[in-house]
Amino acid sequence: MDARTILLVDDEEQLALAVKIRLQAKGYHVQTATDGQQALQQMEAQRPDLILLDIRMPVMDGFTCIREINSRYGRGAIPIIILTARDRMKDLFDVEGIEDYIVKPFDHGDLLLRIDRVFQRRSPDQPQAQPPQQTPDTRTV
């Protein structure tokens, strides 16, 4: 199996470099972007298996990027883990179809565990949730 591709979108260069090194050491192929616009451009060339996305960035912020990704590929089609300095945003992330979020500063081991969980949940070997069975309406009008 080929290495999974993770798109890391964060304008904090030192943080992005540290995360990239850790992910590569775990066997992931890592692409980087410093804003949402760069991320969308890179996604046109190669669709990642997962996106690690900061919220506060120049040019295009993370929320705008999420909405554009959802518009282009479908809500939740590409798993996204938010990297944010702002806590207490879970409800908003749920509305946008975000897989998970982690608050900066974070433990790199915790980030790797969260990435593994996302890939396990979305593994083709795992049984997928089935839509509820439709039962015919037998009532008479």
Protein backbone atom coordinates (compact mmCIF):
# COMPACT_ATOMS: atom_id res chain seq x y z
CA MET A 1 0.00 0.00 0.00
CA ASP A 2 1.27 3.46 -0.88
CA ALA A 3 1.91 5.96 1.88
CA ARG A 4 -1.13 8.03 2.72
CA THR A 5 -0.90 11.70 1.82
CA ILE A 6 -1.56 14.35 4.43
CA LEU A 7 -1.95 18.01 3.48
CA LEU A 8 -0.70 20.19 6.35
CA VAL A 9 -2.04 23.75 6.11
CA ASP A 10 -0.56 26.14 8.67
CA ASP A 11 1.20 29.50 8.42
CA GLU A 12 3.38 28.85 11.49
CA GLU A 13 6.54 27.62 9.76
CA GLN A 14 8.25 26.08 12.80
CA LEU A 15 5.12 24.19 13.86
CA ALA A 16 4.50 22.98 10.30
CA LEU A 17 8.09 21.77 9.98
CA ALA A 18 7.97 19.91 13.31
CA VAL A 19 4.66 18.23 12.42
CA LYS A 20 5.87 17.37 8.91
CA ILE A 21 9.01 15.68 10.27
CA ARG A 22 6.97 13.59 12.74
CA LEU A 23 4.46 12.55 10.10
CA GLN A 24 7.15 11.61 7.61
CA ALA A 25 8.89 9.55 10.30
CA LYS A 26 5.62 7.59 10.62
CA GLY A 27 5.61 6.90 6.89
CA TYR A 28 3.14 9.54 5.68
CA HIS A 29 3.68 11.58 2.54
CA VAL A 30 3.26 15.22 3.63
CA GLN A 31 2.39 18.21 1.49
CA THR A 32 2.35 21.68 3.05
CA ALA A 33 0.57 24.95 2.38
CA THR A 34 0.65 28.22 4.30
CA ASP A 35 -2.95 29.28 3.61
CA GLY A 36 -6.27 27.96 2.37
CA GLN A 37 -5.76 29.21 -1.19
CA GLN A 38 -2.49 27.27 -1.54
CA ALA A 39 -4.19 24.21 -0.06
CA LEU A 40 -6.97 24.31 -2.66
CA GLN A 41 -4.44 24.70 -5.47
CA GLN A 42 -2.47 21.69 -4.23
CA MET A 43 -5.66 19.65 -3.94
CA GLU A 44 -6.32 20.20 -7.65
CA ALA A 45 -3.06 18.39 -8.42
CA GLN A 46 -3.37 15.63 -5.81
CA ARG A 47 -6.27 14.94 -3.49
CA PRO A 48 -4.93 14.18 0.01
CA ASP A 49 -6.15 11.37 2.25
CA LEU A 50 -6.39 13.77 5.20
CA ILE A 51 -6.05 17.49 5.83
CA LEU A 52 -4.55 19.09 8.95
CA LEU A 53 -5.88 22.64 8.82
CA ASP A 54 -5.19 25.75 10.85
CA ILE A 55 -8.05 28.24 11.19
CA ARG A 56 -6.31 31.60 11.41
CA MET A 57 -4.18 32.14 8.31
CA PRO A 58 -3.55 34.92 5.80
CA VAL A 59 -5.04 35.04 2.28
CA MET A 60 -7.73 32.41 2.98
CA ASP A 61 -8.62 31.33 6.51
CA GLY A 62 -9.45 27.79 7.52
CA PHE A 63 -13.23 28.28 7.69
CA THR A 64 -13.37 29.60 4.13
CA CYS A 65 -11.13 26.75 3.02
CA ILE A 66 -13.40 24.18 4.71
CA ARG A 67 -16.46 25.58 2.97
CA GLU A 68 -14.68 25.50 -0.38
CA ILE A 69 -13.49 21.91 0.16
CA ASN A 70 -17.03 20.86 1.12
CA SER A 71 -18.41 22.63 -1.96
CA ARG A 72 -15.92 20.99 -4.33
CA TYR A 73 -15.67 17.48 -2.89
CA GLY A 74 -18.71 17.06 -0.63
CA ARG A 75 -19.07 17.57 3.10
CA GLY A 76 -16.82 15.14 4.95
CA ALA A 77 -15.45 13.54 1.76
CA ILE A 78 -11.90 14.36 2.84
CA PRO A 79 -11.27 14.03 6.57
CA ILE A 80 -10.10 17.24 8.21
CA ILE A 81 -8.47 17.67 11.59
CA ILE A 82 -8.35 21.28 12.74
CA LEU A 83 -5.21 22.65 14.40
CA THR A 84 -6.31 25.66 16.41
CA ALA A 85 -5.27 27.89 19.27
CA ARG A 86 -8.96 28.47 20.06
CA ASP A 87 -10.73 25.98 22.29
CA ARG A 88 -14.50 25.57 22.65
CA MET A 89 -15.30 25.47 18.95
CA LYS A 90 -16.48 21.86 18.77
CA ASP A 91 -20.07 22.75 17.88
CA LEU A 92 -18.98 24.86 14.93
CA PHE A 93 -16.62 22.14 13.72
CA ASP A 94 -19.42 19.56 13.94
CA VAL A 95 -21.59 21.74 11.70
CA GLU A 96 -18.81 21.87 9.11
CA GLY A 97 -18.26 18.09 9.11
CA ILE A 98 -14.82 18.17 10.73
CA GLU A 99 -13.45 14.80 11.89
CA ASP A 100 -11.57 16.12 14.92
CA TYR A 101 -9.70 19.10 16.27
CA ILE A 102 -6.72 19.61 18.51
CA VAL A 103 -5.82 22.75 20.45
CA LYS A 104 -2.37 24.32 20.08
CA PRO A 105 0.08 23.76 21.62
CA PHE A 106 -0.50 20.03 21.29
CA ASP A 107 1.35 16.82 21.93
CA HIS A 108 2.63 15.30 18.68
CA GLY A 109 1.85 11.80 19.96
CA ASP A 110 -1.78 12.84 20.53
CA LEU A 111 -1.96 14.23 16.99
CA LEU A 112 -0.62 10.95 15.57
CA LEU A 113 -3.22 8.99 17.55
CA ARG A 114 -6.00 11.20 16.20
CA ILE A 115 -4.75 10.75 12.63
CA ASP A 116 -4.63 6.96 13.12
CA ARG A 117 -8.21 7.00 14.47
CA VAL A 118 -9.47 8.91 11.44
CA PHE A 119 -7.82 6.46 9.05
CA GLN A 120 -9.16 3.49 11.04
CA ARG A 121 -12.70 4.91 10.90
CA ARG A 122 -12.42 5.46 7.17
CA SER A 123 -10.60 2.25 6.31
CA PRO A 124 -12.17 0.34 3.41
CA ASP A 125 -11.70 -2.82 5.51
CA GLN A 126 -14.04 -1.46 8.18
CA PRO A 127 -17.75 -2.01 7.66
CA GLN A 128 -19.43 1.22 6.66
CA ALA A 129 -22.60 2.43 8.30
CA GLN A 130 -25.62 1.49 6.26
CA PRO A 131 -28.48 3.90 5.67
CA PRO A 132 -31.64 3.07 7.59
CA GLN A 133 -33.98 0.67 5.84
CA GLN A 134 -36.99 2.29 4.26
CA THR A 135 -40.23 0.64 5.21
CA PRO A 136 -43.21 1.13 2.98
CA ASP A 137 -45.95 3.28 4.39
CA THR A 138 -48.98 0.98 4.71
CA ARG A 139 -51.35 3.54 6.11
CA THR A 140 -54.44 4.33 4.08
CA VAL A 141 -55.42 7.88 3.46
